[in-house]
Amino acid sequence: MGRKKSRNHFLYLRNECVAALEIYLAEVDKLCQMLSACNGHAVDVADQVALIAQRHREITAHDEYIRARKRLLRSSGLASTFKSSQRIRR
């Protein structure tokens, strides 16, 4: 892969990672707002279903962010470095 093509690919992966993080944070915020509206009280079945659905959207968004982050780290060669440093700390 040429240097320019490699740089463009890296920027694409970086932008993909940032976008995935922003989506994940938006889903986290939605869940937090929903939970705040409960004020610690029991919720009815409809609200429980809505909370479960939002939690699922948050988890899905988190998984997408992690995948994008792994691709970005892998493209920069940091993925293998991270695994090595984890082994050292254990």
N, C-alpha and C. Protein backbone atom coordinates (compact mmCIF):
# COMPACT_ATOMS: atom_id res chain seq x y z
N MET A 1 0.86 -1.18 0.00
CA MET A 1 0.00 0.00 0.00
C MET A 1 0.90 1.23 0.00
N GLY A 2 0.59 2.20 -0.86
CA GLY A 2 1.39 3.41 -0.93
C GLY A 2 1.23 4.25 0.32
N ARG A 3 2.19 5.15 0.51
CA ARG A 3 2.16 5.99 1.72
C ARG A 3 0.89 6.83 1.81
N LYS A 4 0.48 7.44 0.68
CA LYS A 4 -0.72 8.28 0.69
C LYS A 4 -1.96 7.43 0.93
N LYS A 5 -2.01 6.27 0.28
CA LYS A 5 -3.16 5.38 0.46
C LYS A 5 -3.22 4.88 1.90
N SER A 6 -2.07 4.58 2.46
CA SER A 6 -1.99 4.13 3.86
C SER A 6 -2.47 5.23 4.81
N ARG A 7 -2.05 6.46 4.53
CA ARG A 7 -2.46 7.60 5.37
C ARG A 7 -3.97 7.82 5.26
N ASN A 8 -4.50 7.73 4.05
CA ASN A 8 -5.94 7.89 3.85
C ASN A 8 -6.72 6.80 4.58
N HIS A 9 -6.19 5.58 4.54
CA HIS A 9 -6.85 4.47 5.22
C HIS A 9 -6.85 4.70 6.73
N PHE A 10 -5.71 5.17 7.26
CA PHE A 10 -5.62 5.46 8.68
C PHE A 10 -6.62 6.54 9.08
N LEU A 11 -6.69 7.61 8.28
CA LEU A 11 -7.65 8.69 8.58
C LEU A 11 -9.08 8.20 8.51
N TYR A 12 -9.36 7.33 7.55
CA TYR A 12 -10.70 6.73 7.45
C TYR A 12 -11.02 5.95 8.73
N LEU A 13 -10.07 5.12 9.19
CA LEU A 13 -10.29 4.33 10.40
C LEU A 13 -10.42 5.23 11.63
N ARG A 14 -9.64 6.30 11.67
CA ARG A 14 -9.74 7.24 12.80
C ARG A 14 -11.11 7.90 12.82
N ASN A 15 -11.58 8.35 11.67
CA ASN A 15 -12.89 8.98 11.59
C ASN A 15 -14.00 7.99 11.94
N GLU A 16 -13.83 6.76 11.50
CA GLU A 16 -14.80 5.71 11.83
C GLU A 16 -14.84 5.48 13.34
N CYS A 17 -13.69 5.48 13.98
CA CYS A 17 -13.60 5.28 15.42
C CYS A 17 -14.24 6.44 16.18
N VAL A 18 -13.96 7.66 15.75
CA VAL A 18 -14.54 8.84 16.40
C VAL A 18 -16.06 8.84 16.24
N ALA A 19 -16.54 8.51 15.06
CA ALA A 19 -17.99 8.47 14.83
C ALA A 19 -18.65 7.40 15.70
N ALA A 20 -18.01 6.24 15.79
CA ALA A 20 -18.55 5.15 16.61
C ALA A 20 -18.57 5.56 18.09
N LEU A 21 -17.54 6.25 18.54
CA LEU A 21 -17.50 6.72 19.93
C LEU A 21 -18.61 7.74 20.19
N GLU A 22 -18.82 8.64 19.26
CA GLU A 22 -19.87 9.65 19.42
C GLU A 22 -21.26 9.00 19.49
N ILE A 23 -21.48 8.00 18.66
CA ILE A 23 -22.76 7.28 18.68
C ILE A 23 -22.92 6.56 20.02
N TYR A 24 -21.86 5.90 20.46
CA TYR A 24 -21.91 5.18 21.74
C TYR A 24 -22.23 6.15 22.88
N LEU A 25 -21.54 7.28 22.92
CA LEU A 25 -21.78 8.25 24.00
C LEU A 25 -23.20 8.80 23.95
N ALA A 26 -23.74 8.99 22.76
CA ALA A 26 -25.13 9.45 22.63
C ALA A 26 -26.10 8.41 23.19
N GLU A 27 -25.83 7.14 22.94
CA GLU A 27 -26.69 6.08 23.47
C GLU A 27 -26.56 5.97 24.98
N VAL A 28 -25.36 6.16 25.50
CA VAL A 28 -25.15 6.18 26.96
C VAL A 28 -25.95 7.32 27.58
N ASP A 29 -25.87 8.48 26.95
CA ASP A 29 -26.58 9.65 27.45
C ASP A 29 -28.09 9.41 27.47
N LYS A 30 -28.62 8.80 26.41
CA LYS A 30 -30.05 8.50 26.36
C LYS A 30 -30.46 7.58 27.51
N LEU A 31 -29.65 6.54 27.75
CA LEU A 31 -29.97 5.61 28.84
C LEU A 31 -29.91 6.33 30.19
N CYS A 32 -28.91 7.16 30.38
CA CYS A 32 -28.79 7.91 31.64
C CYS A 32 -29.99 8.84 31.85
N GLN A 33 -30.43 9.49 30.79
CA GLN A 33 -31.60 10.36 30.89
C GLN A 33 -32.84 9.55 31.26
N MET A 34 -32.99 8.40 30.64
CA MET A 34 -34.14 7.54 30.95
C MET A 34 -34.11 7.09 32.40
N LEU A 35 -32.92 6.71 32.87
CA LEU A 35 -32.79 6.26 34.26
C LEU A 35 -33.02 7.41 35.23
N SER A 36 -32.56 8.59 34.88
CA SER A 36 -32.78 9.76 35.74
C SER A 36 -34.27 10.08 35.87
N ALA A 37 -35.00 9.86 34.80
CA ALA A 37 -36.44 10.13 34.82
C ALA A 37 -37.17 9.19 35.78
N CYS A 38 -36.57 8.05 36.07
CA CYS A 38 -37.19 7.09 36.99
C CYS A 38 -37.06 7.54 38.44
N ASN A 39 -36.08 8.40 38.74
CA ASN A 39 -35.85 8.90 40.09
C ASN A 39 -35.72 7.78 41.12
N GLY A 40 -35.19 6.66 40.71
CA GLY A 40 -34.99 5.55 41.64
C GLY A 40 -36.25 4.79 41.99
N HIS A 41 -37.36 5.10 41.37
CA HIS A 41 -38.63 4.40 41.64
C HIS A 41 -38.81 3.25 40.67
N ALA A 42 -39.64 2.32 41.06
CA ALA A 42 -39.97 1.21 40.17
C ALA A 42 -40.67 1.76 38.93
N VAL A 43 -40.43 1.12 37.81
CA VAL A 43 -41.03 1.57 36.56
C VAL A 43 -42.04 0.54 36.07
N ASP A 44 -42.98 1.00 35.27
CA ASP A 44 -43.98 0.07 34.75
C ASP A 44 -43.38 -0.76 33.62
N VAL A 45 -44.15 -1.70 33.14
CA VAL A 45 -43.67 -2.65 32.14
C VAL A 45 -43.23 -1.93 30.86
N ALA A 46 -44.00 -0.94 30.43
CA ALA A 46 -43.65 -0.22 29.20
C ALA A 46 -42.30 0.48 29.35
N ASP A 47 -42.06 1.09 30.50
CA ASP A 47 -40.77 1.75 30.74
C ASP A 47 -39.64 0.73 30.83
N GLN A 48 -39.92 -0.42 31.44
CA GLN A 48 -38.90 -1.46 31.51
C GLN A 48 -38.51 -1.93 30.11
N VAL A 49 -39.49 -2.11 29.25
CA VAL A 49 -39.21 -2.52 27.87
C VAL A 49 -38.38 -1.45 27.17
N ALA A 50 -38.73 -0.19 27.36
CA ALA A 50 -37.98 0.91 26.75
C ALA A 50 -36.54 0.95 27.27
N LEU A 51 -36.37 0.74 28.57
CA LEU A 51 -35.03 0.73 29.15
C LEU A 51 -34.20 -0.43 28.63
N ILE A 52 -34.81 -1.59 28.53
CA ILE A 52 -34.10 -2.76 28.00
C ILE A 52 -33.71 -2.54 26.55
N ALA A 53 -34.60 -1.97 25.76
CA ALA A 53 -34.30 -1.68 24.35
C ALA A 53 -33.16 -0.67 24.24
N GLN A 54 -33.18 0.36 25.09
CA GLN A 54 -32.11 1.36 25.05
C GLN A 54 -30.80 0.76 25.51
N ARG A 55 -30.85 -0.08 26.51
CA ARG A 55 -29.63 -0.74 26.97
C ARG A 55 -29.03 -1.58 25.85
N HIS A 56 -29.89 -2.26 25.10
CA HIS A 56 -29.42 -3.06 23.97
C HIS A 56 -28.77 -2.16 22.91
N ARG A 57 -29.37 -0.99 22.62
CA ARG A 57 -28.78 -0.06 21.66
C ARG A 57 -27.42 0.43 22.15
N GLU A 58 -27.33 0.68 23.46
CA GLU A 58 -26.05 1.12 24.03
C GLU A 58 -24.99 0.04 23.89
N ILE A 59 -25.34 -1.19 24.21
CA ILE A 59 -24.39 -2.30 24.11
C ILE A 59 -23.94 -2.49 22.66
N THR A 60 -24.89 -2.42 21.73
CA THR A 60 -24.56 -2.56 20.32
C THR A 60 -23.61 -1.45 19.88
N ALA A 61 -23.89 -0.22 20.30
CA ALA A 61 -23.03 0.91 19.94
C ALA A 61 -21.64 0.75 20.56
N HIS A 62 -21.58 0.23 21.78
CA HIS A 62 -20.29 -0.01 22.43
C HIS A 62 -19.49 -1.05 21.65
N ASP A 63 -20.16 -2.12 21.25
CA ASP A 63 -19.48 -3.16 20.46
C ASP A 63 -18.94 -2.60 19.15
N GLU A 64 -19.70 -1.74 18.50
CA GLU A 64 -19.25 -1.12 17.25
C GLU A 64 -18.04 -0.23 17.51
N TYR A 65 -18.05 0.51 18.60
CA TYR A 65 -16.91 1.36 18.95
C TYR A 65 -15.66 0.51 19.20
N ILE A 66 -15.81 -0.56 19.94
CA ILE A 66 -14.67 -1.43 20.24
C ILE A 66 -14.10 -2.02 18.95
N ARG A 67 -14.97 -2.44 18.03
CA ARG A 67 -14.49 -2.97 16.75
C ARG A 67 -13.72 -1.90 15.97
N ALA A 68 -14.27 -0.68 15.92
CA ALA A 68 -13.60 0.40 15.20
C ALA A 68 -12.26 0.74 15.85
N ARG A 69 -12.24 0.74 17.17
CA ARG A 69 -11.01 1.03 17.91
C ARG A 69 -9.95 -0.03 17.64
N LYS A 70 -10.36 -1.29 17.63
CA LYS A 70 -9.40 -2.37 17.35
C LYS A 70 -8.82 -2.24 15.95
N ARG A 71 -9.67 -1.90 14.97
CA ARG A 71 -9.17 -1.72 13.60
C ARG A 71 -8.16 -0.57 13.55
N LEU A 72 -8.45 0.52 14.25
CA LEU A 72 -7.54 1.66 14.28
C LEU A 72 -6.23 1.29 14.95
N LEU A 73 -6.30 0.64 16.09
CA LEU A 73 -5.08 0.22 16.78
C LEU A 73 -4.27 -0.76 15.94
N ARG A 74 -4.95 -1.69 15.31
CA ARG A 74 -4.27 -2.68 14.47
C ARG A 74 -3.54 -1.99 13.31
N SER A 75 -4.19 -1.00 12.72
CA SER A 75 -3.58 -0.31 11.57
C SER A 75 -2.35 0.49 11.98
N SER A 76 -2.29 0.91 13.23
CA SER A 76 -1.13 1.68 13.70
C SER A 76 -0.09 0.80 14.38
N GLY A 77 -0.35 -0.50 14.46
CA GLY A 77 0.60 -1.42 15.06
C GLY A 77 0.55 -1.45 16.58
N LEU A 78 -0.40 -0.76 17.18
CA LEU A 78 -0.48 -0.71 18.64
C LEU A 78 -1.22 -1.89 19.25
N ALA A 79 -1.99 -2.60 18.47
CA ALA A 79 -2.77 -3.71 19.02
C ALA A 79 -1.85 -4.76 19.63
N SER A 80 -0.77 -5.11 18.94
CA SER A 80 0.14 -6.13 19.48
C SER A 80 0.93 -5.59 20.66
N THR A 81 1.24 -4.30 20.67
CA THR A 81 1.94 -3.69 21.79
C THR A 81 1.07 -3.74 23.04
N PHE A 82 -0.22 -3.46 22.87
CA PHE A 82 -1.15 -3.48 23.99
C PHE A 82 -1.22 -4.87 24.60
N LYS A 83 -1.30 -5.90 23.77
CA LYS A 83 -1.37 -7.27 24.28
C LYS A 83 -0.11 -7.62 25.06
N SER A 84 1.04 -7.18 24.58
CA SER A 84 2.29 -7.45 25.28
C SER A 84 2.32 -6.77 26.64
N SER A 85 1.88 -5.52 26.69
CA SER A 85 1.91 -4.80 27.96
C SER A 85 0.92 -5.38 28.95
N GLN A 86 -0.19 -5.95 28.46
CA GLN A 86 -1.13 -6.61 29.36
C GLN A 86 -0.49 -7.83 30.01
N ARG A 87 0.25 -8.59 29.23
CA ARG A 87 0.90 -9.80 29.75
C ARG A 87 1.94 -9.45 30.80
N ILE A 88 2.62 -8.35 30.60
CA ILE A 88 3.68 -7.94 31.54
C ILE A 88 3.08 -7.57 32.90
N ARG A 89 1.94 -6.90 32.90
CA ARG A 89 1.31 -6.45 34.14
C ARG A 89 0.73 -7.59 34.94
N ARG A 90 0.40 -8.67 34.32
CA ARG A 90 -0.26 -9.78 35.05
C ARG A 90 0.68 -10.53 35.93
